[in-house]
């Protein structure tokens, strides 16, 4: 199977398995723990909460959370709250 976009998911990404009934653990969420473009079973190794790991292709996964990006926003410091 050709994987033209293997850079879609990165190690640490939270993903949901959307590959349908033939994909192991379809509908479950897991974490990408390895990306290996040369693995014929699929470039993305996903680990689940129960410790199981399966390989998937790009079209079998969807992103759950957005990657963290630096922002200029800062959180307020709770120590600076005014007492009333």
N, C-alpha and C. Protein backbone atom coordinates (compact mmCIF):
# COMPACT_ATOMS: atom_id res chain seq x y z
N UNK A 1 0.84 -1.17 0.00
CA UNK A 1 0.00 0.00 0.00
C UNK A 1 0.88 1.23 0.00
N UNK A 2 0.63 2.15 -0.86
CA UNK A 2 1.44 3.36 -0.99
C UNK A 2 1.06 4.37 0.09
N UNK A 3 2.02 4.96 0.75
CA UNK A 3 1.81 5.94 1.79
C UNK A 3 2.37 7.28 1.35
N UNK A 4 1.62 8.08 0.59
CA UNK A 4 2.16 9.34 0.10
C UNK A 4 2.33 10.40 1.17
N UNK A 5 1.58 10.32 2.27
CA UNK A 5 1.63 11.37 3.28
C UNK A 5 1.90 10.79 4.66
N UNK A 6 3.06 10.19 4.84
CA UNK A 6 3.38 9.57 6.12
C UNK A 6 3.77 10.58 7.18
N UNK A 7 3.84 11.85 6.84
CA UNK A 7 4.18 12.87 7.83
C UNK A 7 2.95 13.51 8.43
N UNK A 8 1.78 12.93 8.22
CA UNK A 8 0.53 13.48 8.74
C UNK A 8 0.49 13.39 10.26
N UNK A 9 0.92 12.28 10.82
CA UNK A 9 0.90 12.07 12.26
C UNK A 9 2.33 11.95 12.78
N UNK A 10 2.53 12.42 13.99
CA UNK A 10 3.85 12.39 14.64
C UNK A 10 3.77 11.58 15.93
N UNK A 11 4.92 11.14 16.42
CA UNK A 11 4.99 10.44 17.69
C UNK A 11 4.40 11.35 18.78
N UNK A 12 3.51 10.78 19.57
CA UNK A 12 2.86 11.53 20.65
C UNK A 12 1.45 12.00 20.31
N UNK A 13 1.09 11.97 19.02
CA UNK A 13 -0.25 12.40 18.62
C UNK A 13 -1.29 11.42 19.14
N UNK A 14 -2.40 11.97 19.61
CA UNK A 14 -3.55 11.18 20.02
C UNK A 14 -4.42 10.97 18.78
N UNK A 15 -4.71 9.70 18.46
CA UNK A 15 -5.47 9.40 17.24
C UNK A 15 -6.62 8.45 17.56
N UNK A 16 -7.63 8.47 16.68
CA UNK A 16 -8.74 7.53 16.76
C UNK A 16 -8.66 6.62 15.53
N UNK A 17 -8.92 5.35 15.73
CA UNK A 17 -8.88 4.38 14.63
C UNK A 17 -10.21 4.46 13.89
N UNK A 18 -10.14 4.80 12.61
CA UNK A 18 -11.35 5.00 11.81
C UNK A 18 -11.38 4.10 10.60
N UNK A 19 -10.59 3.05 10.61
CA UNK A 19 -10.43 2.20 9.44
C UNK A 19 -11.56 1.25 9.12
N UNK A 20 -12.60 1.21 9.94
CA UNK A 20 -13.70 0.30 9.65
C UNK A 20 -13.55 -1.02 10.37
N UNK A 21 -14.40 -1.95 10.06
CA UNK A 21 -14.47 -3.21 10.80
C UNK A 21 -13.24 -4.09 10.62
N UNK A 22 -12.46 -3.88 9.58
CA UNK A 22 -11.27 -4.71 9.35
C UNK A 22 -10.05 -4.22 10.11
N UNK A 23 -10.08 -3.02 10.64
CA UNK A 23 -8.95 -2.47 11.39
C UNK A 23 -9.05 -2.90 12.85
N UNK A 24 -7.94 -3.37 13.44
CA UNK A 24 -7.98 -3.73 14.86
C UNK A 24 -8.34 -2.53 15.73
N UNK A 25 -9.23 -2.73 16.66
CA UNK A 25 -9.66 -1.72 17.63
C UNK A 25 -10.27 -0.47 16.96
N UNK A 26 -11.00 -0.67 15.89
CA UNK A 26 -11.68 0.43 15.21
C UNK A 26 -12.60 1.17 16.19
N UNK A 27 -12.50 2.49 16.20
CA UNK A 27 -13.30 3.32 17.10
C UNK A 27 -12.58 3.69 18.37
N UNK A 28 -11.50 2.99 18.69
CA UNK A 28 -10.75 3.27 19.90
C UNK A 28 -9.71 4.37 19.67
N UNK A 29 -9.28 4.97 20.77
CA UNK A 29 -8.25 6.01 20.72
C UNK A 29 -6.94 5.45 21.24
N UNK A 30 -5.84 5.97 20.69
CA UNK A 30 -4.51 5.56 21.13
C UNK A 30 -3.50 6.64 20.84
N UNK A 31 -2.24 6.33 21.09
CA UNK A 31 -1.15 7.28 20.91
C UNK A 31 -0.15 6.73 19.90
N UNK A 32 0.26 7.56 18.95
CA UNK A 32 1.31 7.17 17.99
C UNK A 32 2.62 7.09 18.76
N UNK A 33 3.24 5.90 18.75
CA UNK A 33 4.49 5.71 19.49
C UNK A 33 5.69 5.51 18.57
N UNK A 34 5.43 5.30 17.27
CA UNK A 34 6.53 5.13 16.32
C UNK A 34 6.02 5.40 14.91
N UNK A 35 6.88 5.99 14.10
CA UNK A 35 6.59 6.20 12.68
C UNK A 35 7.72 5.54 11.90
N UNK A 36 7.38 4.55 11.08
CA UNK A 36 8.37 3.82 10.31
C UNK A 36 7.87 3.65 8.88
N UNK A 37 8.39 4.46 7.97
CA UNK A 37 7.90 4.46 6.59
C UNK A 37 8.19 3.16 5.85
N UNK A 38 9.10 2.36 6.34
CA UNK A 38 9.48 1.13 5.64
C UNK A 38 8.71 -0.10 6.12
N UNK A 39 7.84 0.05 7.11
CA UNK A 39 7.09 -1.09 7.61
C UNK A 39 5.90 -1.37 6.69
N UNK A 40 5.83 -2.56 6.14
CA UNK A 40 4.79 -2.90 5.16
C UNK A 40 3.40 -3.02 5.79
N UNK A 41 3.32 -3.21 7.10
CA UNK A 41 2.02 -3.32 7.77
C UNK A 41 1.39 -1.96 8.03
N UNK A 42 2.17 -0.91 7.95
CA UNK A 42 1.69 0.45 8.18
C UNK A 42 2.75 1.26 8.88
N UNK A 43 2.87 2.53 8.54
CA UNK A 43 3.95 3.33 9.11
C UNK A 43 3.72 3.78 10.55
N UNK A 44 2.45 3.75 11.01
CA UNK A 44 2.15 4.29 12.34
C UNK A 44 1.89 3.17 13.34
N UNK A 45 2.72 3.10 14.37
CA UNK A 45 2.51 2.17 15.46
C UNK A 45 1.74 2.91 16.55
N UNK A 46 0.54 2.42 16.84
CA UNK A 46 -0.34 3.06 17.82
C UNK A 46 -0.45 2.17 19.05
N UNK A 47 -0.27 2.79 20.23
CA UNK A 47 -0.41 2.06 21.48
C UNK A 47 -1.69 2.50 22.17
N UNK A 48 -2.39 1.52 22.76
CA UNK A 48 -3.66 1.78 23.43
C UNK A 48 -3.47 1.70 24.94
N UNK A 49 -4.48 2.18 25.69
CA UNK A 49 -4.39 2.20 27.15
C UNK A 49 -4.14 0.82 27.75
N UNK A 50 -4.61 -0.23 27.08
CA UNK A 50 -4.45 -1.58 27.61
C UNK A 50 -3.09 -2.19 27.25
N UNK A 51 -2.22 -1.41 26.59
CA UNK A 51 -0.87 -1.87 26.26
C UNK A 51 -0.74 -2.50 24.88
N UNK A 52 -1.85 -2.79 24.21
CA UNK A 52 -1.77 -3.36 22.86
C UNK A 52 -1.22 -2.33 21.89
N UNK A 53 -0.51 -2.83 20.88
CA UNK A 53 0.06 -1.97 19.84
C UNK A 53 -0.25 -2.58 18.48
N UNK A 54 -0.72 -1.74 17.55
CA UNK A 54 -0.99 -2.18 16.18
C UNK A 54 -0.46 -1.13 15.22
N UNK A 55 -0.15 -1.57 13.99
CA UNK A 55 0.30 -0.66 12.93
C UNK A 55 -0.88 -0.29 12.05
N UNK A 56 -0.89 0.98 11.62
CA UNK A 56 -1.99 1.49 10.79
C UNK A 56 -1.44 2.35 9.66
N UNK A 57 -2.27 2.49 8.62
CA UNK A 57 -1.98 3.38 7.51
C UNK A 57 -2.69 4.72 7.76
N UNK A 58 -2.26 5.75 7.07
CA UNK A 58 -2.78 7.10 7.25
C UNK A 58 -4.30 7.15 7.18
N UNK A 59 -4.89 6.46 6.21
CA UNK A 59 -6.34 6.55 6.01
C UNK A 59 -7.14 5.83 7.10
N UNK A 60 -6.47 5.11 7.99
CA UNK A 60 -7.15 4.41 9.07
C UNK A 60 -7.18 5.22 10.37
N UNK A 61 -6.57 6.41 10.37
CA UNK A 61 -6.44 7.21 11.58
C UNK A 61 -7.04 8.59 11.41
N UNK A 62 -7.50 9.17 12.52
CA UNK A 62 -7.90 10.58 12.54
C UNK A 62 -7.34 11.21 13.81
N UNK A 63 -6.99 12.47 13.72
CA UNK A 63 -6.39 13.20 14.83
C UNK A 63 -7.45 13.51 15.88
N UNK A 64 -7.11 13.31 17.15
CA UNK A 64 -8.02 13.66 18.24
C UNK A 64 -7.73 15.06 18.74
N UNK A 65 -6.47 15.35 19.01
CA UNK A 65 -6.10 16.66 19.54
C UNK A 65 -5.17 17.37 18.57
N UNK A 66 -5.20 18.68 18.62
CA UNK A 66 -4.28 19.46 17.78
C UNK A 66 -2.92 19.47 18.45
N UNK A 67 -1.89 19.54 17.64
CA UNK A 67 -0.54 19.63 18.18
C UNK A 67 -0.37 20.96 18.90
N UNK A 68 0.37 20.93 19.96
CA UNK A 68 0.62 22.15 20.72
C UNK A 68 1.50 23.08 19.91
N UNK A 69 1.12 24.33 19.86
CA UNK A 69 1.91 25.33 19.17
C UNK A 69 2.17 26.48 20.12
N UNK A 70 3.34 27.09 20.04
CA UNK A 70 3.63 28.23 20.92
C UNK A 70 2.69 29.39 20.62
N UNK A 71 2.24 30.05 21.66
CA UNK A 71 1.38 31.22 21.49
C UNK A 71 1.92 32.36 22.30
N UNK A 72 1.44 33.54 22.02
CA UNK A 72 1.87 34.71 22.77
C UNK A 72 0.99 34.92 24.00
N UNK A 73 -0.08 34.14 24.13
CA UNK A 73 -0.96 34.28 25.27
C UNK A 73 -0.30 33.69 26.50
N UNK A 74 -0.50 34.32 27.63
CA UNK A 74 0.01 33.80 28.89
C UNK A 74 -1.15 33.61 29.83
N UNK A 75 -1.04 32.61 30.66
CA UNK A 75 -2.08 32.38 31.66
C UNK A 75 -1.86 33.33 32.83
N UNK A 76 -2.95 33.69 33.47
CA UNK A 76 -2.81 34.55 34.64
C UNK A 76 -2.21 33.75 35.78
N UNK A 77 -1.41 34.39 36.54
CA UNK A 77 -0.76 33.75 37.67
C UNK A 77 -1.74 33.71 38.84
N UNK A 78 -2.10 32.52 39.34
CA UNK A 78 -3.07 32.45 40.42
C UNK A 78 -2.60 33.11 41.70
N UNK A 79 -1.29 33.28 41.86
CA UNK A 79 -0.76 33.94 43.07
C UNK A 79 -1.03 35.43 43.03
N UNK A 80 -1.40 35.97 41.86
CA UNK A 80 -1.60 37.40 41.72
C UNK A 80 -3.06 37.80 41.86
N UNK A 81 -3.94 36.83 42.19
CA UNK A 81 -5.35 37.15 42.36
C UNK A 81 -5.53 38.09 43.52
N UNK A 82 -6.48 38.99 43.37
CA UNK A 82 -6.74 39.96 44.42
C UNK A 82 -7.66 39.36 45.47
N UNK A 83 -7.38 39.61 46.72
CA UNK A 83 -8.23 39.14 47.82
C UNK A 83 -9.34 40.15 48.00
N UNK A 84 -10.51 39.65 48.36
CA UNK A 84 -11.65 40.55 48.60
C UNK A 84 -12.13 40.41 50.00
